[in-house]
Protein backbone atom coordinates (compact mmCIF):
# COMPACT_ATOMS: atom_id res chain seq x y z
CA MET A 1 38.22 -25.85 -16.55
CA SER A 2 35.91 -27.59 -14.06
CA GLU A 3 36.93 -25.07 -11.39
CA ILE A 4 35.86 -22.22 -13.66
CA VAL A 5 32.49 -23.86 -14.29
CA GLN A 6 32.02 -24.50 -10.58
CA GLY A 7 32.90 -20.89 -9.88
CA ILE A 8 30.32 -19.65 -12.38
CA ILE A 9 27.65 -21.92 -10.88
CA ALA A 10 28.52 -20.74 -7.37
CA ASP A 11 28.30 -17.09 -8.43
CA ALA A 12 24.96 -17.65 -10.16
CA THR A 13 23.57 -19.45 -7.10
CA ALA A 14 24.69 -16.64 -4.79
CA MET A 15 23.14 -14.08 -7.12
CA ARG A 16 19.82 -15.95 -7.11
CA ALA A 17 19.88 -16.11 -3.30
CA TRP A 18 20.39 -12.34 -3.04
CA GLU A 19 17.69 -11.80 -5.66
CA ALA A 20 15.29 -13.87 -3.54
CA VAL A 21 16.04 -11.74 -0.47
CA ALA A 22 15.53 -8.56 -2.50
CA VAL A 23 12.21 -9.89 -3.83
CA ILE A 24 10.90 -10.70 -0.34
CA LEU A 25 11.87 -7.25 0.95
CA ALA A 26 10.36 -5.57 -2.11
CA ILE A 27 7.03 -7.34 -1.59
CA ALA A 28 7.09 -6.37 2.09
CA TYR A 29 7.77 -2.76 1.06
CA LEU A 30 4.77 -2.62 -1.26
CA LEU A 31 2.38 -4.34 1.15
CA LEU A 32 3.41 -2.00 3.95
CA ALA A 33 3.17 1.05 1.66
CA MET A 34 -0.34 -0.03 0.68
CA LYS A 35 -1.27 0.20 4.37
CA GLU A 36 0.60 3.52 4.78
CA ASN A 37 2.95 1.80 7.24
CA ILE A 38 6.20 3.76 7.57
CA LEU A 39 8.17 0.52 8.03
CA CYS A 40 7.92 0.11 4.26
CA TRP A 41 10.88 2.47 3.86
CA TYR A 42 13.19 0.18 5.85
CA CYS A 43 12.34 -2.70 3.51
CA ALA A 44 12.91 -0.40 0.54
CA LEU A 45 16.35 0.59 1.80
CA PHE A 46 17.70 -2.96 2.04
CA SER A 47 15.95 -4.26 -1.07
CA THR A 48 17.33 -1.48 -3.25
CA ALA A 49 20.85 -1.91 -1.89
CA ILE A 50 20.77 -5.50 -3.16
CA TYR A 51 19.19 -4.61 -6.49
CA THR A 52 21.77 -1.91 -7.18
CA GLN A 53 24.43 -4.61 -7.47
CA LEU A 54 22.23 -7.20 -9.19
CA PHE A 55 21.21 -4.87 -12.01
CA TRP A 56 24.79 -3.73 -12.51
CA ASN A 57 25.85 -7.36 -12.88
CA VAL A 58 23.39 -7.93 -15.77
CA SER A 59 24.14 -4.66 -17.61
CA LEU A 60 20.88 -2.87 -16.76
CA LEU A 61 22.84 0.28 -16.03
CA MET A 62 19.90 2.66 -15.70
CA GLU A 63 18.11 0.23 -13.40
CA SER A 64 21.24 0.03 -11.25
CA ALA A 65 21.49 3.82 -11.10
CA LEU A 66 17.78 3.97 -10.28
CA ASN A 67 18.33 1.84 -7.20
CA VAL A 68 20.97 4.25 -5.92
CA TYR A 69 18.24 6.89 -6.17
CA TYR A 70 15.85 4.54 -4.35
CA LEU A 71 18.30 4.34 -1.46
CA ALA A 72 18.13 8.11 -1.03
CA MET A 73 14.35 8.12 -1.52
CA ALA A 74 13.91 5.50 1.22
CA VAL A 75 15.34 8.01 3.68
CA PHE A 76 13.42 10.94 2.14
CA GLY A 77 10.17 8.96 2.06
CA TRP A 78 10.50 7.93 5.69
CA TYR A 79 11.02 11.57 6.70
CA GLN A 80 8.12 12.81 4.56
CA TRP A 81 5.67 10.24 5.87
CA LYS A 82 6.64 10.98 9.47
CA TYR A 83 7.10 14.78 9.37
CA GLY A 84 5.91 15.99 5.94
CA GLY A 85 2.45 17.14 7.01
CA ARG A 86 1.43 20.45 8.53
CA GLU A 87 3.50 21.47 11.54
CA LYS A 88 5.73 18.37 11.19
CA SER A 89 2.77 15.99 11.43
CA SER A 90 2.45 12.75 9.44
CA LEU A 91 1.68 13.19 5.76
CA SER A 92 -1.82 12.67 4.32
CA ILE A 93 -2.69 11.26 0.89
CA GLN A 94 -2.83 13.90 -1.87
CA ARG A 95 -3.87 14.12 -5.54
CA LEU A 96 -2.36 15.81 -8.59
CA THR A 97 -4.17 17.86 -11.22
CA LEU A 98 -4.53 16.51 -14.76
CA GLN A 99 -2.15 19.19 -16.01
CA THR A 100 0.54 18.17 -13.52
CA ASN A 101 0.17 14.51 -14.49
CA LEU A 102 0.54 15.38 -18.19
CA LEU A 103 3.68 17.41 -17.46
CA ILE A 104 5.20 14.50 -15.51
CA ILE A 105 4.45 12.03 -18.31
CA ALA A 106 5.94 14.37 -20.94
CA ALA A 107 9.07 14.90 -18.83
CA VAL A 108 9.53 11.12 -18.44
CA PHE A 109 9.33 10.58 -22.22
CA VAL A 110 11.83 13.37 -22.94
CA ALA A 111 14.30 12.16 -20.29
CA ALA A 112 13.94 8.55 -21.49
CA GLY A 113 14.57 9.57 -25.08
CA ILE A 114 17.73 11.48 -24.21
CA SER A 115 19.24 8.90 -21.86
CA GLY A 116 18.18 6.04 -24.13
CA TRP A 117 20.03 7.61 -27.04
CA LEU A 118 23.12 8.32 -24.91
CA LEU A 119 23.20 4.76 -23.61
CA SER A 120 22.77 3.30 -27.11
CA GLN A 121 25.69 5.37 -28.37
CA HIS A 122 28.12 5.17 -25.46
CA SER A 123 27.52 1.94 -23.53
CA GLN A 124 26.72 -1.74 -23.79
CA ALA A 125 23.41 -1.25 -21.96
CA ALA A 126 20.69 -3.76 -22.76
CA TRP A 127 17.38 -2.30 -23.98
CA PRO A 128 18.58 1.33 -23.54
CA TYR A 129 15.27 3.05 -24.37
CA LEU A 130 13.02 0.68 -22.44
CA ASP A 131 15.47 0.66 -19.53
CA SER A 132 15.48 4.47 -19.60
CA PHE A 133 11.69 4.74 -19.73
CA THR A 134 11.13 2.48 -16.74
CA THR A 135 13.94 4.24 -14.89
CA TRP A 136 12.74 7.81 -15.38
CA GLY A 137 9.15 6.73 -14.80
CA SER A 138 10.23 5.12 -11.54
CA VAL A 139 12.16 8.25 -10.51
CA ALA A 140 9.02 10.36 -10.83
CA THR A 141 6.73 7.76 -9.30
CA THR A 142 8.93 7.03 -6.29
CA PHE A 143 8.90 10.74 -5.46
CA MET A 144 5.11 10.58 -5.71
CA VAL A 145 5.06 7.68 -3.23
CA ALA A 146 7.26 9.68 -0.84
CA LYS A 147 4.78 12.58 -1.07
CA LYS A 148 1.80 10.20 -0.77
CA ILE A 149 0.33 11.10 -4.17
CA LEU A 150 -2.60 8.80 -4.94
CA GLU A 151 -1.84 8.53 -8.65
CA ASN A 152 1.50 6.83 -7.98
CA TRP A 153 -0.25 3.45 -8.09
CA LEU A 154 -1.49 4.06 -11.65
CA TYR A 155 2.01 5.03 -12.76
CA TRP A 156 3.41 1.87 -11.19
CA LEU A 157 0.85 -0.24 -13.05
CA VAL A 158 2.29 0.95 -16.37
CA ILE A 159 5.95 0.81 -15.30
CA ASP A 160 5.71 -2.65 -13.74
CA SER A 161 3.93 -4.07 -16.79
CA ILE A 162 6.69 -2.83 -19.09
CA SER A 163 9.44 -4.02 -16.73
CA ILE A 164 8.43 -7.69 -16.80
CA PRO A 165 9.75 -8.55 -20.29
CA LEU A 166 12.88 -6.49 -19.56
CA TYR A 167 13.77 -8.66 -16.57
CA VAL A 168 12.86 -11.91 -18.33
CA ASP A 169 15.26 -11.00 -21.14
CA ARG A 170 18.06 -10.44 -18.62
CA GLY A 171 17.42 -13.73 -16.82
CA LEU A 172 16.07 -12.11 -13.63
CA TYR A 173 13.11 -14.47 -13.44
CA LEU A 174 12.37 -13.98 -9.74
CA THR A 175 12.29 -10.24 -10.27
CA ALA A 176 10.03 -10.62 -13.31
CA PHE A 177 7.70 -12.75 -11.18
CA LEU A 178 7.88 -10.10 -8.44
CA PHE A 179 6.72 -7.44 -10.88
CA PHE A 180 3.88 -9.70 -12.01
CA ILE A 181 2.76 -9.98 -8.37
CA TYR A 182 3.20 -6.21 -8.10
CA LEU A 183 0.43 -5.69 -10.66
CA PHE A 184 -2.14 -7.15 -8.28
CA ILE A 185 -0.75 -5.35 -5.22
CA VAL A 186 -0.68 -2.05 -7.13
CA VAL A 187 -4.38 -2.31 -7.99
CA ALA A 188 -5.17 -3.13 -4.35
CA GLY A 189 -2.95 -0.24 -3.23
CA PHE A 190 -4.75 2.23 -5.47
CA LEU A 191 -8.18 1.14 -4.24
CA ASN A 192 -7.03 1.25 -0.62
CA TRP A 193 -5.43 4.70 -0.89
CA ARG A 194 -8.41 6.07 -2.82
CA ARG A 195 -10.74 4.91 -0.06
CA ARG A 196 -8.51 6.51 2.57
CA TYR A 197 -8.23 9.72 0.52
CA GLN A 198 -12.01 9.98 0.19
CA ALA A 199 -12.37 9.42 3.94
CA GLN A 200 -10.03 12.31 4.76
CA ILE A 201 -11.70 14.95 2.53
């Protein structure tokens, strides 16, 4: 019996260590993205690889699937930032119209409703609707980051705020704290990108 307990403790400790590494890389990703530094995508790649497994282990299935998407987007984002501008130049910050933003928000709610219902009926997923909302919101917003859309920071502000209680409930306290820190970095990122956008027009 004591061996089983020791095994559980060892597994939990290892999980916390990996979570700490993922948190450090995730913070580095956001700080570098705020400065439009392409190295952010390398941090994103390794951080999301770790989180894919961590979220699977705590039954946040949509969050785990989201991190598989993040892995692909890390490669796509790196390419876009380096070659996505005119004539394969580096990409500049862009803005979306109000209509486009409304369409994105509506699409996120519809997708979250469908996947939330499917998860609630066919899986043991924790918080299926909330998990789905943050997942689909993150799918859209990560694409916006890869395309250097200014409004991505405002989307992240909403998504990160909602994610905090989700992670606390699942015992991912370091990740919940990370998302709390994110709120401040996101505001700084928006102000920084807006200043850069205004300077380029």
